[in-house]
Amino acid sequence: MRRRPASLPRGAAPPLRAWYETLERAWGAQGWWPARSRFEVVVGAVLTQAVSWKNVEQAIRRMRRARLLTPAAISAAGRAAIERAIRPAGYHTQKARTLGAIAAVITGRHGGRLDRFLKAPTPDLRRTLLQVRGIGPETADAILLYAARRPVFVIDAYTRRILARHGAARGDEPYETLRTCFEAALPADVPMLNQFHALLVRVGKERCRKRAPDCRGCPLEAFLPPGGPRDPIVRINPARRRRPRPAAGD
């Protein structure tokens, strides 16, 4: 059963299905998340905190060369080896600790089998992920959607900014308020939720940039409020986050 929509503080809920259909017609399949394995998705979800994907790709290549892309390998490796491999992704000390903690859960409770770890019911799996130091709601939901293939929606800085510019939110709402709104308005369809999130990321990177939005010709231009895009409020209560502050693309 889908959740009842949570209320947004400003205006009516955005026409999310119309947004999705418009973006898919304009841009088609995005093929996200790029990874060779589901554990690589987990690793990428941790590494992408507060850094561009280009840096994440470099760090993952270094991990692959060092043969560190399995839970068992990370658990067996020293912290220093993990830190060296992931240095391009920034916050390498914190992220190495997080990767070590999640690998320890998989190896210690599930015999190193990621598939067993990901089989847990969605609420239980989300709770376990959030108990890992360094994993907050956004990272947990990215793992749930892209690695565990669960019908959850990931709320990131791009999504907040797009909602705010379209007058559908302030931009500083609690994470769960926005996630519940998306999941209540959309079908529990993993490929669709995957694709919609990837499309919104593209809008945020290419059009709805932080400092210089380029609305003319954007697929979502027709959904802007009268008078054009609004300024988002981007202050987020640190208590709601358990990860480095994300640096949304400019």
Protein backbone atom coordinates (compact mmCIF):
# COMPACT_ATOMS: atom_id res chain seq x y z
CA MET A 1 0.00 0.00 0.00
CA ARG A 2 1.35 3.41 -0.96
CA ARG A 3 1.71 6.06 1.70
CA ARG A 4 -0.69 8.97 1.90
CA PRO A 5 0.94 12.09 0.46
CA ALA A 6 2.75 14.27 2.98
CA SER A 7 1.93 17.94 2.69
CA LEU A 8 4.44 20.39 1.31
CA PRO A 9 4.60 23.76 3.00
CA ARG A 10 4.05 25.78 -0.15
CA GLY A 11 1.44 25.35 -2.86
CA ALA A 12 0.11 22.19 -4.45
CA ALA A 13 2.15 19.06 -4.96
CA PRO A 14 4.05 19.11 -8.26
CA PRO A 15 2.69 17.11 -11.22
CA LEU A 16 5.37 14.49 -10.88
CA ARG A 17 4.01 12.05 -13.44
CA ALA A 18 3.81 14.85 -16.01
CA TRP A 19 7.38 15.85 -15.18
CA TYR A 20 8.55 12.28 -15.65
CA GLU A 21 6.73 11.76 -18.94
CA THR A 22 8.00 15.09 -20.29
CA LEU A 23 11.60 14.38 -19.36
CA GLU A 24 11.55 10.84 -20.71
CA ARG A 25 10.13 12.02 -24.04
CA ALA A 26 12.84 14.65 -24.27
CA TRP A 27 15.86 12.67 -23.10
CA GLY A 28 15.03 8.97 -23.05
CA ALA A 29 16.77 6.29 -21.00
CA GLN A 30 19.65 7.48 -18.81
CA GLY A 31 21.25 4.11 -18.00
CA TRP A 32 21.98 5.02 -14.42
CA TRP A 33 23.63 3.68 -12.13
CA PRO A 34 26.87 2.85 -14.00
CA ALA A 35 28.48 -0.10 -12.22
CA ARG A 36 29.77 -3.60 -12.89
CA SER A 37 28.18 -5.12 -9.79
CA ARG A 38 25.66 -4.33 -7.11
CA PHE A 39 28.41 -3.98 -4.53
CA GLU A 40 30.04 -1.40 -6.77
CA VAL A 41 26.74 0.53 -6.58
CA VAL A 42 26.96 0.41 -2.78
CA VAL A 43 30.53 1.67 -2.89
CA GLY A 44 29.62 4.40 -5.36
CA ALA A 45 26.71 5.57 -3.23
CA VAL A 46 29.12 6.16 -0.34
CA LEU A 47 31.89 7.70 -2.43
CA THR A 48 29.64 10.15 -4.27
CA GLN A 49 28.91 12.07 -1.08
CA ALA A 50 30.09 15.67 -1.54
CA VAL A 51 32.02 15.02 -4.74
CA SER A 52 31.49 14.83 -8.49
CA TRP A 53 30.93 11.50 -10.20
CA LYS A 54 34.15 11.95 -12.19
CA ASN A 55 36.09 11.70 -8.92
CA VAL A 56 34.06 8.66 -7.88
CA GLU A 57 34.90 6.89 -11.12
CA GLN A 58 38.59 7.52 -10.53
CA ALA A 59 38.37 6.16 -6.98
CA ILE A 60 36.48 3.05 -8.12
CA ARG A 61 39.09 2.37 -10.82
CA ARG A 62 41.79 2.52 -8.13
CA MET A 63 39.75 0.17 -5.91
CA ARG A 64 39.37 -2.24 -8.82
CA ARG A 65 43.10 -2.25 -9.47
CA ALA A 66 43.69 -2.90 -5.76
CA ARG A 67 41.07 -5.69 -5.80
CA LEU A 68 38.98 -3.95 -3.14
CA LEU A 69 35.52 -4.24 -4.69
CA THR A 70 34.10 -7.04 -2.58
CA PRO A 71 32.94 -6.95 1.05
CA ALA A 72 35.52 -9.60 1.98
CA ALA A 73 38.38 -7.66 0.37
CA ILE A 74 37.45 -4.46 2.17
CA SER A 75 37.08 -6.28 5.48
CA ALA A 76 40.49 -7.90 5.05
CA ALA A 77 42.28 -4.77 3.91
CA GLY A 78 43.83 -2.29 6.29
CA ARG A 79 42.14 1.11 6.62
CA ALA A 80 45.18 2.79 5.08
CA ALA A 81 44.87 0.73 1.88
CA ILE A 82 41.23 1.72 1.48
CA GLU A 83 42.01 5.38 2.15
CA ARG A 84 44.76 5.38 -0.49
CA ALA A 85 42.47 3.84 -3.09
CA ILE A 86 39.56 6.21 -2.55
CA ARG A 87 41.54 9.43 -2.03
CA PRO A 88 40.24 11.02 -5.29
CA ALA A 89 36.69 10.90 -3.87
CA GLY A 90 37.55 13.18 -0.94
CA TYR A 91 36.75 12.70 2.74
CA HIS A 92 38.78 9.53 2.34
CA THR A 93 39.15 8.89 6.08
CA GLN A 94 35.42 9.07 6.78
CA LYS A 95 34.43 7.20 3.64
CA ALA A 96 36.95 4.41 4.26
CA ARG A 97 35.47 4.00 7.73
CA THR A 98 31.96 3.82 6.27
CA LEU A 99 32.95 1.28 3.62
CA GLY A 100 34.67 -0.80 6.28
CA ALA A 101 31.58 -0.68 8.50
CA ILE A 102 29.15 -1.76 5.80
CA ALA A 103 31.54 -4.50 4.62
CA ALA A 104 31.74 -5.72 8.21
CA VAL A 105 27.95 -6.01 8.38
CA ILE A 106 27.84 -8.01 5.14
CA THR A 107 30.69 -10.33 6.07
CA GLY A 108 29.83 -10.67 9.75
CA ARG A 109 26.08 -11.22 9.48
CA HIS A 110 25.65 -12.56 5.95
CA GLY A 111 28.80 -14.55 5.24
CA GLY A 112 30.04 -11.94 2.79
CA ARG A 113 26.99 -12.48 0.57
CA LEU A 114 25.64 -9.16 -0.66
CA ASP A 115 22.57 -10.87 -2.08
CA ARG A 116 21.62 -12.14 1.38
CA PHE A 117 22.18 -8.70 2.88
CA LEU A 118 19.96 -7.07 0.24
CA LYS A 119 17.16 -9.63 0.69
CA ALA A 120 16.01 -8.10 3.99
CA PRO A 121 12.59 -6.37 3.95
CA THR A 122 12.90 -2.77 2.85
CA PRO A 123 12.22 -1.18 6.28
CA ASP A 124 14.73 -3.51 7.95
CA LEU A 125 17.38 -2.99 5.29
CA ARG A 126 16.94 0.78 5.43
CA ARG A 127 17.22 0.71 9.23
CA THR A 128 20.41 -1.35 9.03
CA LEU A 129 21.94 1.02 6.50
CA LEU A 130 21.09 4.07 8.60
CA GLN A 131 22.81 2.49 11.58
CA VAL A 132 26.11 2.55 9.69
CA ARG A 133 28.10 5.64 10.58
CA GLY A 134 28.39 7.86 7.51
CA ILE A 135 25.20 6.65 5.80
CA GLY A 136 22.27 9.05 5.87
CA PRO A 137 18.82 8.84 4.25
CA GLU A 138 19.97 9.87 0.76
CA THR A 139 22.78 7.32 0.62
CA ALA A 140 20.60 4.60 2.15
CA ASP A 141 17.86 5.19 -0.42
CA ALA A 142 20.36 5.23 -3.29
CA ILE A 143 21.52 1.78 -2.17
CA LEU A 144 17.92 0.60 -1.78
CA LEU A 145 16.87 1.81 -5.23
CA TYR A 146 19.94 1.08 -7.33
CA ALA A 147 21.54 -1.92 -5.57
CA ALA A 148 18.60 -3.63 -3.81
CA ARG A 149 16.12 -2.57 -6.53
CA ARG A 150 13.45 -1.43 -4.08
CA PRO A 151 10.73 1.08 -5.02
CA VAL A 152 12.02 4.06 -3.06
CA PHE A 153 12.82 7.55 -4.31
CA VAL A 154 16.10 9.32 -3.66
CA ILE A 155 15.88 12.96 -2.63
CA ASP A 156 19.06 14.84 -3.40
CA ALA A 157 20.17 18.45 -3.73
CA TYR A 158 19.15 18.51 -7.41
CA THR A 159 15.61 17.39 -6.61
CA ARG A 160 15.27 19.98 -3.84
CA ARG A 161 16.45 22.76 -6.14
CA ILE A 162 14.14 21.75 -8.99
CA LEU A 163 11.13 21.57 -6.67
CA ALA A 164 11.93 24.97 -5.20
CA ARG A 165 12.49 26.66 -8.57
CA HIS A 166 9.09 25.36 -9.69
CA GLY A 167 7.39 26.71 -6.58
CA ALA A 168 6.53 23.23 -5.30
CA ALA A 169 8.69 23.37 -2.17
CA ARG A 170 10.98 25.69 -0.26
CA GLY A 171 13.96 23.37 -0.63
CA ASP A 172 14.67 22.88 3.05
CA GLU A 173 11.89 20.45 3.96
CA PRO A 174 12.73 17.32 5.97
CA TYR A 175 14.01 14.52 3.79
CA GLU A 176 11.15 12.19 4.69
CA THR A 177 8.52 14.79 3.75
CA LEU A 178 9.80 14.99 0.20
CA ARG A 179 10.50 11.27 -0.17
CA THR A 180 6.98 10.38 0.98
CA CYS A 181 5.46 12.86 -1.44
CA PHE A 182 7.31 11.32 -4.39
CA GLU A 183 6.56 7.74 -3.38
CA ALA A 184 2.86 8.51 -2.83
CA ALA A 185 2.50 10.23 -6.20
CA LEU A 186 4.36 7.65 -8.30
CA PRO A 187 3.82 3.93 -8.93
CA ALA A 188 6.02 1.46 -7.04
CA ASP A 189 7.93 0.77 -10.24
CA VAL A 190 11.67 0.41 -9.72
CA PRO A 191 12.75 1.11 -13.35
CA MET A 192 10.54 4.22 -13.43
CA LEU A 193 11.84 5.55 -10.09
CA ASN A 194 15.39 4.83 -11.21
CA GLN A 195 14.86 6.63 -14.50
CA PHE A 196 13.01 9.59 -12.96
CA HIS A 197 15.74 10.20 -10.40
CA ALA A 198 18.41 10.00 -13.11
CA LEU A 199 16.45 12.45 -15.27
CA LEU A 200 16.14 14.93 -12.41
CA VAL A 201 19.88 14.66 -11.78
CA ARG A 202 20.44 15.56 -15.43
CA VAL A 203 18.09 18.54 -15.13
CA GLY A 204 20.02 19.68 -12.07
CA LYS A 205 23.40 19.34 -13.75
CA GLU A 206 22.56 20.74 -17.17
CA ARG A 207 19.69 23.16 -16.60
CA CYS A 208 18.72 23.86 -12.99
CA ARG A 209 22.22 24.78 -11.90
CA LYS A 210 22.84 26.28 -8.48
CA ARG A 211 24.00 29.72 -9.57
CA ALA A 212 22.87 30.12 -13.17
CA PRO A 213 19.68 28.22 -14.09
CA ASP A 214 19.16 27.82 -17.83
CA CYS A 215 15.39 27.49 -18.14
CA ARG A 216 14.94 28.42 -21.79
CA GLY A 217 14.41 25.19 -23.69
CA CYS A 218 14.49 23.00 -20.59
CA PRO A 219 11.93 20.17 -20.83
CA LEU A 220 10.43 21.37 -17.53
CA GLU A 221 10.22 25.04 -18.58
CA ALA A 222 6.44 24.79 -19.16
CA PHE A 223 5.95 23.81 -15.50
CA LEU A 224 7.59 26.95 -14.06
CA PRO A 225 5.36 29.27 -12.02
CA PRO A 226 4.25 32.64 -13.42
CA GLY A 227 7.15 35.03 -13.33
CA GLY A 228 9.78 32.35 -13.79
CA PRO A 229 11.86 30.25 -11.43
CA ARG A 230 11.84 30.96 -7.72
CA ASP A 231 14.87 31.09 -5.47
CA PRO A 232 15.26 27.91 -3.40
CA ILE A 233 15.94 27.85 0.31
CA VAL A 234 18.85 25.48 0.66
CA ARG A 235 19.43 25.58 4.40
CA ILE A 236 19.21 21.99 5.63
CA ASN A 237 19.20 21.15 9.32
CA PRO A 238 22.46 19.20 9.91
CA ALA A 239 20.58 16.94 12.32
CA ARG A 240 18.69 15.55 9.32
CA ARG A 241 21.90 14.50 7.57
CA ARG A 242 24.51 11.90 8.54
CA ARG A 243 26.96 12.48 5.71
CA PRO A 244 29.14 15.25 4.29
CA ARG A 245 27.15 18.07 2.78
CA PRO A 246 26.54 17.34 -0.92
CA ALA A 247 27.98 19.68 -3.50
CA ALA A 248 25.27 19.96 -6.12
CA GLY A 249 26.48 20.61 -9.63
CA ASP A 250 26.75 24.25 -10.64
